[in-house]
Structure formats: C-alpha cells, structure tokens
Amino acid sequence: MREAGVSVAGVKLCRFGHVQVQMCRPWGKKIFPTSFWLICPHLVRLAGKIESNGGVSQLEEYISSRGLIHEWRRYNILHQVIRLRLGGMGMNAIMRKFRRGIFRDVMRGGVGGIRVLDGVNVKCLHLQTASYLWLGFHPGEAWLEGHGLCGDCGRGLCAEIH
C-alpha cells in the first residue's frame, strides 16, 4: 500500500474495531490534497471493482441528475476548509509565503484536490467513500450506500486481512 501522507487526528473505525479511514495532513514530505484515506481492505477492493465498472461516471450522473450540484459544490468547499485547518496556521503561512502556487492549487481544490468546475467532477470512489464515512454525509450518499460503500464487510473479516 502506498503511503497516504501524514496521518493526523486519528482514524474512523468499523463496528469491529478495524481502521476504515485515516485523516491526512495536506503538508508533509509531499503535497497531499486528500484529507481522508480509505484503509479498509474490504471497501478498498469493493470501491476498485465498482470504479472499474464505470462507478465514477455513474456517481457523477447520479449527483447531476438529481439536482445535487449545489450540494456537491458546498461539499467541495467543506473539503477546502478541512484542508486549511489540517494544515495548521504555521505550515499554511510557510506554504503561502514560499510555495504560493502550490498552496493556491491545493487550497482551491475540492474533494481530493479536484478542481470544482461547472457541473460535477468526481475523483475516485475510494476518496468519496472515505469522505462519506468520516464526515457522515455526502451528496451522493444514497448511491454510495446502494453500492455497499457505506459500512463494513459485515462479518469482521478485516481482522483476517490486516
């Protein structure tokens, strides 16, 4: 598994006590615009399978077709605020002063650093699932839940995988 930035502030656990999501600081050895990183092996596999079958486009269509574009934009703004808070005042000031362009790009991005454009632009289901699980809401939560990206494996199998 590749490194997911600098873990901070803990994790979100499933009902069996296994890590599902870790929170990540945007500034570490590298710039990391993803605030919530999906860890649960069951959900990682499931999100990958759904994504390989067109899940990203399906979630975009779901959000768009149900008139949830304003909720999607607000959700992305929330992620900008979360990144600012996770960066901390000192590090944000350093980045703003010495790495202005990078700071601007990271702070302008929405969920996972995506550009918030007209319409809906979803970046990976792993990220959407992690954000939903950590925050407890998502503009496309009914779609995520309908595809099983809302809980745990149901049998505590993560203990065998970890």
N, C-alpha and C. Protein backbone atom coordinates (compact mmCIF):
# COMPACT_ATOMS: atom_id res chain seq x y z
N MET A 1 0.85 -1.17 0.00
CA MET A 1 0.00 0.00 0.00
C MET A 1 0.89 1.23 0.00
N ARG A 2 0.57 2.23 -0.83
CA ARG A 2 1.39 3.42 -0.87
C ARG A 2 1.09 4.31 0.33
N GLU A 3 2.06 5.12 0.69
CA GLU A 3 1.92 6.00 1.84
C GLU A 3 0.87 7.06 1.57
N ALA A 4 0.05 7.33 2.55
CA ALA A 4 -1.07 8.24 2.39
C ALA A 4 -0.85 9.58 3.08
N GLY A 5 0.31 10.14 2.98
CA GLY A 5 0.52 11.43 3.62
C GLY A 5 0.77 11.25 5.10
N VAL A 6 0.66 12.30 5.84
CA VAL A 6 0.91 12.27 7.26
C VAL A 6 -0.42 12.07 7.98
N SER A 7 -0.56 10.95 8.68
CA SER A 7 -1.79 10.68 9.40
C SER A 7 -1.88 11.59 10.61
N VAL A 8 -3.05 12.16 10.81
CA VAL A 8 -3.28 13.04 11.96
C VAL A 8 -4.65 12.75 12.56
N ALA A 9 -4.84 13.19 13.77
CA ALA A 9 -6.15 13.23 14.41
C ALA A 9 -6.90 11.91 14.44
N GLY A 10 -6.24 10.81 14.19
CA GLY A 10 -6.89 9.54 14.37
C GLY A 10 -7.51 8.96 13.12
N VAL A 11 -8.40 8.03 13.39
CA VAL A 11 -8.98 7.22 12.33
C VAL A 11 -10.47 7.01 12.60
N LYS A 12 -11.16 6.50 11.59
CA LYS A 12 -12.55 6.08 11.73
C LYS A 12 -12.55 4.56 11.72
N LEU A 13 -13.19 3.97 12.72
CA LEU A 13 -13.21 2.52 12.85
C LEU A 13 -14.56 1.95 12.44
N CYS A 14 -14.54 0.71 11.96
CA CYS A 14 -15.79 0.00 11.69
C CYS A 14 -16.33 -0.57 13.00
N ARG A 15 -17.47 -1.19 12.96
CA ARG A 15 -18.07 -1.73 14.18
C ARG A 15 -17.27 -2.88 14.79
N PHE A 16 -16.32 -3.43 14.02
CA PHE A 16 -15.48 -4.50 14.53
C PHE A 16 -14.17 -3.96 15.11
N GLY A 17 -14.01 -2.63 15.07
CA GLY A 17 -12.82 -2.00 15.65
C GLY A 17 -11.63 -1.91 14.71
N HIS A 18 -11.84 -2.13 13.42
CA HIS A 18 -10.75 -2.05 12.45
C HIS A 18 -10.78 -0.70 11.74
N VAL A 19 -9.61 -0.24 11.36
CA VAL A 19 -9.50 1.06 10.71
C VAL A 19 -10.15 1.02 9.33
N GLN A 20 -11.02 1.99 9.08
CA GLN A 20 -11.62 2.15 7.76
C GLN A 20 -11.01 3.34 7.04
N VAL A 21 -10.82 4.45 7.77
CA VAL A 21 -10.37 5.70 7.18
C VAL A 21 -9.36 6.37 8.11
N GLN A 22 -8.30 6.93 7.53
CA GLN A 22 -7.40 7.77 8.32
C GLN A 22 -7.45 9.18 7.76
N MET A 23 -7.25 10.13 8.65
CA MET A 23 -7.23 11.54 8.25
C MET A 23 -5.78 11.92 7.96
N CYS A 24 -5.56 12.71 6.92
CA CYS A 24 -4.21 13.07 6.50
C CYS A 24 -4.02 14.58 6.43
N ARG A 25 -2.86 15.03 6.86
CA ARG A 25 -2.49 16.44 6.76
C ARG A 25 -2.05 16.72 5.32
N PRO A 26 -2.38 17.91 4.78
CA PRO A 26 -2.03 18.21 3.39
C PRO A 26 -0.55 18.46 3.16
N TRP A 27 0.18 18.80 4.20
CA TRP A 27 1.60 19.11 4.03
C TRP A 27 2.43 18.08 4.78
N GLY A 28 3.33 17.45 4.10
CA GLY A 28 4.26 16.50 4.68
C GLY A 28 5.49 16.50 3.79
N LYS A 29 6.04 15.34 3.54
CA LYS A 29 7.17 15.26 2.62
C LYS A 29 6.74 15.68 1.22
N LYS A 30 5.48 15.43 0.91
CA LYS A 30 4.91 15.81 -0.38
C LYS A 30 3.58 16.52 -0.13
N ILE A 31 3.08 17.20 -1.14
CA ILE A 31 1.77 17.81 -1.05
C ILE A 31 0.74 16.70 -1.19
N PHE A 32 -0.24 16.67 -0.29
CA PHE A 32 -1.22 15.59 -0.28
C PHE A 32 -2.61 16.17 -0.07
N PRO A 33 -3.36 16.41 -1.13
CA PRO A 33 -4.66 17.09 -1.01
C PRO A 33 -5.81 16.20 -0.55
N THR A 34 -5.56 14.93 -0.28
CA THR A 34 -6.61 14.03 0.15
C THR A 34 -6.66 14.01 1.67
N SER A 35 -7.74 14.52 2.24
CA SER A 35 -7.87 14.61 3.70
C SER A 35 -8.25 13.28 4.33
N PHE A 36 -8.99 12.45 3.62
CA PHE A 36 -9.45 11.19 4.17
C PHE A 36 -9.01 10.05 3.27
N TRP A 37 -8.32 9.07 3.85
CA TRP A 37 -7.72 7.98 3.09
C TRP A 37 -8.39 6.67 3.47
N LEU A 38 -8.96 5.96 2.50
CA LEU A 38 -9.65 4.69 2.74
C LEU A 38 -8.63 3.60 3.01
N ILE A 39 -8.77 2.91 4.15
CA ILE A 39 -7.83 1.88 4.59
C ILE A 39 -8.44 0.49 4.56
N CYS A 40 -9.73 0.37 4.84
CA CYS A 40 -10.40 -0.92 4.98
C CYS A 40 -10.20 -1.77 3.71
N PRO A 41 -9.56 -2.93 3.84
CA PRO A 41 -9.32 -3.76 2.65
C PRO A 41 -10.60 -4.15 1.91
N HIS A 42 -11.65 -4.42 2.64
CA HIS A 42 -12.93 -4.79 2.02
C HIS A 42 -13.45 -3.63 1.16
N LEU A 43 -13.49 -2.43 1.73
CA LEU A 43 -14.01 -1.28 0.99
C LEU A 43 -13.07 -0.84 -0.13
N VAL A 44 -11.78 -0.98 0.07
CA VAL A 44 -10.82 -0.64 -0.99
C VAL A 44 -11.07 -1.53 -2.21
N ARG A 45 -11.23 -2.84 -1.98
CA ARG A 45 -11.50 -3.76 -3.09
C ARG A 45 -12.84 -3.46 -3.75
N LEU A 46 -13.86 -3.26 -2.92
CA LEU A 46 -15.20 -3.01 -3.46
C LEU A 46 -15.22 -1.71 -4.27
N ALA A 47 -14.64 -0.65 -3.75
CA ALA A 47 -14.59 0.63 -4.48
C ALA A 47 -13.85 0.46 -5.80
N GLY A 48 -12.76 -0.28 -5.79
CA GLY A 48 -11.99 -0.52 -7.02
C GLY A 48 -12.79 -1.28 -8.05
N LYS A 49 -13.52 -2.27 -7.60
CA LYS A 49 -14.34 -3.07 -8.52
C LYS A 49 -15.44 -2.21 -9.15
N ILE A 50 -16.12 -1.42 -8.33
CA ILE A 50 -17.20 -0.55 -8.83
C ILE A 50 -16.63 0.52 -9.75
N GLU A 51 -15.49 1.06 -9.35
CA GLU A 51 -14.85 2.09 -10.17
C GLU A 51 -14.45 1.55 -11.54
N SER A 52 -13.93 0.33 -11.58
CA SER A 52 -13.51 -0.25 -12.86
C SER A 52 -14.69 -0.55 -13.78
N ASN A 53 -15.89 -0.57 -13.21
CA ASN A 53 -17.11 -0.78 -14.00
C ASN A 53 -17.87 0.52 -14.25
N GLY A 54 -17.15 1.64 -14.23
CA GLY A 54 -17.77 2.92 -14.56
C GLY A 54 -18.40 3.65 -13.39
N GLY A 55 -18.04 3.29 -12.18
CA GLY A 55 -18.66 3.87 -11.00
C GLY A 55 -18.49 5.37 -10.85
N VAL A 56 -17.34 5.91 -11.25
CA VAL A 56 -17.12 7.35 -11.12
C VAL A 56 -18.14 8.11 -11.98
N SER A 57 -18.28 7.71 -13.22
CA SER A 57 -19.25 8.34 -14.12
C SER A 57 -20.67 8.16 -13.62
N GLN A 58 -20.96 7.00 -13.06
CA GLN A 58 -22.30 6.75 -12.53
C GLN A 58 -22.61 7.67 -11.35
N LEU A 59 -21.63 7.87 -10.47
CA LEU A 59 -21.84 8.76 -9.32
C LEU A 59 -22.00 10.20 -9.80
N GLU A 60 -21.20 10.61 -10.77
CA GLU A 60 -21.34 11.96 -11.34
C GLU A 60 -22.75 12.14 -11.91
N GLU A 61 -23.23 11.16 -12.66
CA GLU A 61 -24.57 11.22 -13.25
C GLU A 61 -25.64 11.26 -12.16
N TYR A 62 -25.45 10.47 -11.12
CA TYR A 62 -26.41 10.44 -10.01
C TYR A 62 -26.54 11.83 -9.38
N ILE A 63 -25.42 12.44 -9.06
CA ILE A 63 -25.43 13.76 -8.42
C ILE A 63 -26.04 14.80 -9.36
N SER A 64 -25.64 14.77 -10.62
CA SER A 64 -26.15 15.74 -11.60
C SER A 64 -27.64 15.58 -11.86
N SER A 65 -28.06 14.35 -12.09
CA SER A 65 -29.45 14.11 -12.49
C SER A 65 -30.46 14.35 -11.37
N ARG A 66 -29.99 14.37 -10.14
CA ARG A 66 -30.88 14.61 -9.01
C ARG A 66 -30.82 16.06 -8.51
N GLY A 67 -30.17 16.91 -9.29
CA GLY A 67 -30.12 18.32 -8.94
C GLY A 67 -29.30 18.62 -7.69
N LEU A 68 -28.26 17.84 -7.46
CA LEU A 68 -27.44 17.99 -6.25
C LEU A 68 -26.14 18.75 -6.51
N ILE A 69 -26.10 19.52 -7.58
CA ILE A 69 -24.87 20.23 -7.95
C ILE A 69 -24.48 21.26 -6.89
N HIS A 70 -25.44 21.97 -6.33
CA HIS A 70 -25.13 22.97 -5.30
C HIS A 70 -24.60 22.27 -4.04
N GLU A 71 -25.19 21.13 -3.68
CA GLU A 71 -24.70 20.36 -2.54
C GLU A 71 -23.28 19.86 -2.81
N TRP A 72 -23.02 19.46 -4.06
CA TRP A 72 -21.69 19.00 -4.44
C TRP A 72 -20.66 20.12 -4.29
N ARG A 73 -21.01 21.32 -4.74
CA ARG A 73 -20.09 22.46 -4.60
C ARG A 73 -19.83 22.77 -3.13
N ARG A 74 -20.87 22.76 -2.31
CA ARG A 74 -20.69 23.02 -0.87
C ARG A 74 -19.83 21.95 -0.23
N TYR A 75 -20.00 20.71 -0.65
CA TYR A 75 -19.20 19.59 -0.13
C TYR A 75 -17.72 19.82 -0.45
N ASN A 76 -17.45 20.30 -1.66
CA ASN A 76 -16.07 20.58 -2.05
C ASN A 76 -15.50 21.75 -1.27
N ILE A 77 -16.28 22.77 -0.99
CA ILE A 77 -15.82 23.90 -0.18
C ILE A 77 -15.51 23.43 1.23
N LEU A 78 -16.33 22.54 1.77
CA LEU A 78 -16.05 21.97 3.09
C LEU A 78 -14.68 21.30 3.11
N HIS A 79 -14.35 20.58 2.06
CA HIS A 79 -13.04 19.92 1.99
C HIS A 79 -11.91 20.95 1.94
N GLN A 80 -12.13 22.09 1.30
CA GLN A 80 -11.12 23.15 1.32
C GLN A 80 -10.88 23.64 2.74
N VAL A 81 -11.95 23.85 3.48
CA VAL A 81 -11.85 24.31 4.87
C VAL A 81 -11.14 23.27 5.73
N ILE A 82 -11.49 22.02 5.54
CA ILE A 82 -10.84 20.94 6.31
C ILE A 82 -9.34 20.94 6.05
N ARG A 83 -8.94 21.05 4.78
CA ARG A 83 -7.50 21.07 4.44
C ARG A 83 -6.79 22.25 5.10
N LEU A 84 -7.41 23.42 5.08
CA LEU A 84 -6.83 24.60 5.72
C LEU A 84 -6.61 24.35 7.21
N ARG A 85 -7.60 23.78 7.85
CA ARG A 85 -7.48 23.51 9.29
C ARG A 85 -6.45 22.43 9.59
N LEU A 86 -6.41 21.41 8.76
CA LEU A 86 -5.43 20.34 8.96
C LEU A 86 -4.00 20.82 8.72
N GLY A 87 -3.83 21.77 7.80
CA GLY A 87 -2.50 22.30 7.51
C GLY A 87 -1.90 23.03 8.69
N GLY A 88 -2.72 23.63 9.50
CA GLY A 88 -2.23 24.38 10.64
C GLY A 88 -1.77 25.76 10.21
N MET A 89 -1.93 26.72 11.11
CA MET A 89 -1.60 28.10 10.77
C MET A 89 -0.14 28.28 10.37
N GLY A 90 0.78 27.65 11.09
CA GLY A 90 2.19 27.82 10.79
C GLY A 90 2.58 27.28 9.43
N MET A 91 2.18 26.05 9.15
CA MET A 91 2.54 25.44 7.87
C MET A 91 1.82 26.14 6.72
N ASN A 92 0.58 26.52 6.92
CA ASN A 92 -0.14 27.25 5.87
C ASN A 92 0.58 28.56 5.55
N ALA A 93 1.05 29.25 6.58
CA ALA A 93 1.75 30.52 6.36
C ALA A 93 3.05 30.29 5.59
N ILE A 94 3.78 29.25 5.93
CA ILE A 94 5.03 28.94 5.22
C ILE A 94 4.73 28.61 3.76
N MET A 95 3.73 27.77 3.52
CA MET A 95 3.39 27.39 2.15
C MET A 95 2.90 28.61 1.36
N ARG A 96 2.10 29.44 1.99
CA ARG A 96 1.58 30.64 1.32
C ARG A 96 2.71 31.59 0.94
N LYS A 97 3.73 31.66 1.78
CA LYS A 97 4.84 32.59 1.53
C LYS A 97 5.85 32.05 0.53
N PHE A 98 6.24 30.78 0.69
CA PHE A 98 7.34 30.24 -0.11
C PHE A 98 6.91 29.34 -1.26
N ARG A 99 5.71 28.84 -1.21
CA ARG A 99 5.22 27.93 -2.25
C ARG A 99 3.84 28.37 -2.69
N ARG A 100 3.71 29.64 -3.01
CA ARG A 100 2.43 30.29 -3.28
C ARG A 100 1.58 29.54 -4.30
N GLY A 101 2.17 29.15 -5.42
CA GLY A 101 1.41 28.45 -6.47
C GLY A 101 0.87 27.12 -6.00
N ILE A 102 1.69 26.35 -5.31
CA ILE A 102 1.26 25.05 -4.81
C ILE A 102 0.17 25.24 -3.76
N PHE A 103 0.38 26.20 -2.86
CA PHE A 103 -0.62 26.48 -1.82
C PHE A 103 -1.96 26.83 -2.46
N ARG A 104 -1.93 27.69 -3.46
CA ARG A 104 -3.15 28.12 -4.13
C ARG A 104 -3.86 26.93 -4.78
N ASP A 105 -3.11 26.09 -5.48
CA ASP A 105 -3.72 24.94 -6.15
C ASP A 105 -4.35 23.97 -5.16
N VAL A 106 -3.63 23.68 -4.09
CA VAL A 106 -4.15 22.74 -3.10
C VAL A 106 -5.38 23.31 -2.41
N MET A 107 -5.35 24.57 -2.07
CA MET A 107 -6.47 25.18 -1.36
C MET A 107 -7.67 25.45 -2.25
N ARG A 108 -7.47 25.59 -3.54
CA ARG A 108 -8.59 25.79 -4.46
C ARG A 108 -9.32 24.50 -4.78
N GLY A 109 -8.64 23.41 -4.60
CA GLY A 109 -9.23 22.12 -4.95
C GLY A 109 -10.29 21.68 -3.98
N GLY A 110 -11.20 20.86 -4.45
CA GLY A 110 -12.26 20.31 -3.62
C GLY A 110 -11.86 18.97 -3.05
N VAL A 111 -12.77 18.01 -3.08
CA VAL A 111 -12.52 16.68 -2.54
C VAL A 111 -11.30 16.08 -3.23
N GLY A 112 -10.27 15.78 -2.47
CA GLY A 112 -9.06 15.18 -3.03
C GLY A 112 -8.28 16.10 -3.94
N GLY A 113 -8.55 17.39 -3.88
CA GLY A 113 -7.83 18.35 -4.70
C GLY A 113 -8.40 18.58 -6.08
N ILE A 114 -9.56 17.98 -6.40
CA ILE A 114 -10.14 18.17 -7.73
C ILE A 114 -10.54 19.62 -7.92
N ARG A 115 -10.50 20.06 -9.15
CA ARG A 115 -10.98 21.40 -9.48
C ARG A 115 -12.49 21.40 -9.46
N VAL A 116 -13.06 22.34 -8.77
CA VAL A 116 -14.52 22.46 -8.74
C VAL A 116 -14.92 23.27 -9.96
N LEU A 117 -15.43 22.58 -10.94
CA LEU A 117 -15.84 23.19 -12.19
C LEU A 117 -17.34 23.25 -12.26
N ASP A 118 -17.86 23.78 -13.35
CA ASP A 118 -19.29 23.71 -13.56
C ASP A 118 -19.68 22.24 -13.66
N GLY A 119 -20.76 21.89 -13.07
CA GLY A 119 -21.20 20.51 -13.09
C GLY A 119 -20.55 19.71 -11.98
N VAL A 120 -20.44 18.42 -12.20
CA VAL A 120 -19.92 17.51 -11.17
C VAL A 120 -18.68 16.81 -11.71
N ASN A 121 -17.61 16.86 -10.95
CA ASN A 121 -16.35 16.21 -11.30
C ASN A 121 -15.92 15.38 -10.10
N VAL A 122 -16.17 14.08 -10.16
CA VAL A 122 -15.87 13.17 -9.06
C VAL A 122 -14.49 12.57 -9.27
N LYS A 123 -13.73 12.51 -8.21
CA LYS A 123 -12.42 11.86 -8.24
C LYS A 123 -12.50 10.60 -7.39
N CYS A 124 -12.28 9.51 -7.92
CA CYS A 124 -12.21 8.15 -7.37
C CYS A 124 -13.18 7.82 -6.24
N LEU A 125 -13.71 6.62 -6.30
CA LEU A 125 -14.69 6.16 -5.33
C LEU A 125 -14.06 5.86 -3.98
N HIS A 126 -12.78 5.54 -3.95
CA HIS A 126 -12.10 5.32 -2.68
C HIS A 126 -12.16 6.61 -1.85
N LEU A 127 -11.87 7.70 -2.49
CA LEU A 127 -11.89 9.01 -1.85
C LEU A 127 -13.31 9.40 -1.44
N GLN A 128 -14.28 9.17 -2.30
CA GLN A 128 -15.67 9.51 -1.98
C GLN A 128 -16.16 8.69 -0.79
N THR A 129 -15.81 7.41 -0.77
CA THR A 129 -16.20 6.53 0.33
C THR A 129 -15.56 6.97 1.63
N ALA A 130 -14.26 7.24 1.60
CA ALA A 130 -13.55 7.68 2.81
C ALA A 130 -14.14 8.98 3.34
N SER A 131 -14.42 9.92 2.46
CA SER A 131 -15.00 11.20 2.88
C SER A 131 -16.39 10.99 3.50
N TYR A 132 -17.18 10.17 2.86
CA TYR A 132 -18.53 9.89 3.36
C TYR A 132 -18.47 9.25 4.74
N LEU A 133 -17.62 8.24 4.90
CA LEU A 133 -17.54 7.54 6.18
C LEU A 133 -17.06 8.47 7.29
N TRP A 134 -16.07 9.31 7.00
CA TRP A 134 -15.53 10.19 8.03
C TRP A 134 -16.53 11.29 8.40
N LEU A 135 -17.10 11.94 7.39
CA LEU A 135 -17.97 13.08 7.64
C LEU A 135 -19.41 12.68 7.97
N GLY A 136 -19.81 11.50 7.53
CA GLY A 136 -21.17 11.03 7.81
C GLY A 136 -22.22 11.52 6.83
N PHE A 137 -21.80 12.19 5.79
CA PHE A 137 -22.74 12.62 4.75
C PHE A 137 -21.98 12.83 3.45
N HIS A 138 -22.72 12.85 2.35
CA HIS A 138 -22.16 13.02 1.01
C HIS A 138 -23.33 13.33 0.09
N PRO A 139 -23.18 14.21 -0.88
CA PRO A 139 -24.29 14.48 -1.80
C PRO A 139 -24.80 13.23 -2.51
N GLY A 140 -23.94 12.26 -2.73
CA GLY A 140 -24.34 11.02 -3.39
C GLY A 140 -24.42 9.85 -2.43
N GLU A 141 -24.74 10.11 -1.16
CA GLU A 141 -24.70 9.03 -0.18
C GLU A 141 -25.66 7.89 -0.50
N ALA A 142 -26.82 8.17 -1.04
CA ALA A 142 -27.75 7.09 -1.39
C ALA A 142 -27.13 6.18 -2.45
N TRP A 143 -26.41 6.77 -3.40
CA TRP A 143 -25.74 5.96 -4.43
C TRP A 143 -24.63 5.13 -3.79
N LEU A 144 -23.82 5.76 -2.93
CA LEU A 144 -22.74 5.04 -2.25
C LEU A 144 -23.30 3.89 -1.42
N GLU A 145 -24.35 4.18 -0.67
CA GLU A 145 -24.97 3.13 0.16
C GLU A 145 -25.55 2.02 -0.71
N GLY A 146 -26.16 2.38 -1.81
CA GLY A 146 -26.74 1.39 -2.72
C GLY A 146 -25.71 0.46 -3.33
N HIS A 147 -24.46 0.89 -3.34
CA HIS A 147 -23.37 0.06 -3.87
C HIS A 147 -22.52 -0.57 -2.77
N GLY A 148 -22.99 -0.47 -1.53
CA GLY A 148 -22.29 -1.12 -0.42
C GLY A 148 -21.09 -0.36 0.12
N LEU A 149 -20.93 0.89 -0.30
CA LEU A 149 -19.76 1.68 0.11
C LEU A 149 -20.08 2.53 1.34
N CYS A 150 -20.71 1.90 2.32
CA CYS A 150 -21.18 2.69 3.45
C CYS A 150 -20.88 2.07 4.81
N GLY A 151 -20.35 0.90 4.86
CA GLY A 151 -20.19 0.28 6.17
C GLY A 151 -18.96 -0.56 6.27
N ASP A 152 -19.16 -1.81 6.57
CA ASP A 152 -18.04 -2.72 6.73
C ASP A 152 -18.37 -4.03 6.01
N CYS A 153 -17.49 -4.99 6.16
CA CYS A 153 -17.67 -6.25 5.44
C CYS A 153 -18.84 -7.06 5.99
N GLY A 154 -19.32 -6.70 7.17
CA GLY A 154 -20.47 -7.38 7.74
C GLY A 154 -20.14 -8.59 8.57
N ARG A 155 -18.89 -9.03 8.50
CA ARG A 155 -18.53 -10.25 9.23
C ARG A 155 -17.21 -10.10 9.99
N GLY A 156 -16.64 -8.93 10.02
CA GLY A 156 -15.38 -8.74 10.75
C GLY A 156 -14.18 -9.38 10.06
N LEU A 157 -14.27 -9.60 8.76
CA LEU A 157 -13.20 -10.26 8.03
C LEU A 157 -11.92 -9.42 7.95
N CYS A 158 -12.03 -8.13 8.23
CA CYS A 158 -10.85 -7.29 8.15
C CYS A 158 -9.76 -7.75 9.11
N ALA A 159 -10.15 -8.38 10.21
CA ALA A 159 -9.15 -8.88 11.16
C ALA A 159 -8.26 -9.92 10.50
N GLU A 160 -8.81 -10.69 9.59
CA GLU A 160 -8.04 -11.72 8.89
C GLU A 160 -7.14 -11.11 7.82
N ILE A 161 -7.54 -9.93 7.31
CA ILE A 161 -6.81 -9.29 6.24
C ILE A 161 -5.69 -8.43 6.77
N HIS A 162 -5.89 -7.78 7.93
CA HIS A 162 -4.91 -6.82 8.47
C HIS A 162 -3.63 -7.51 8.81
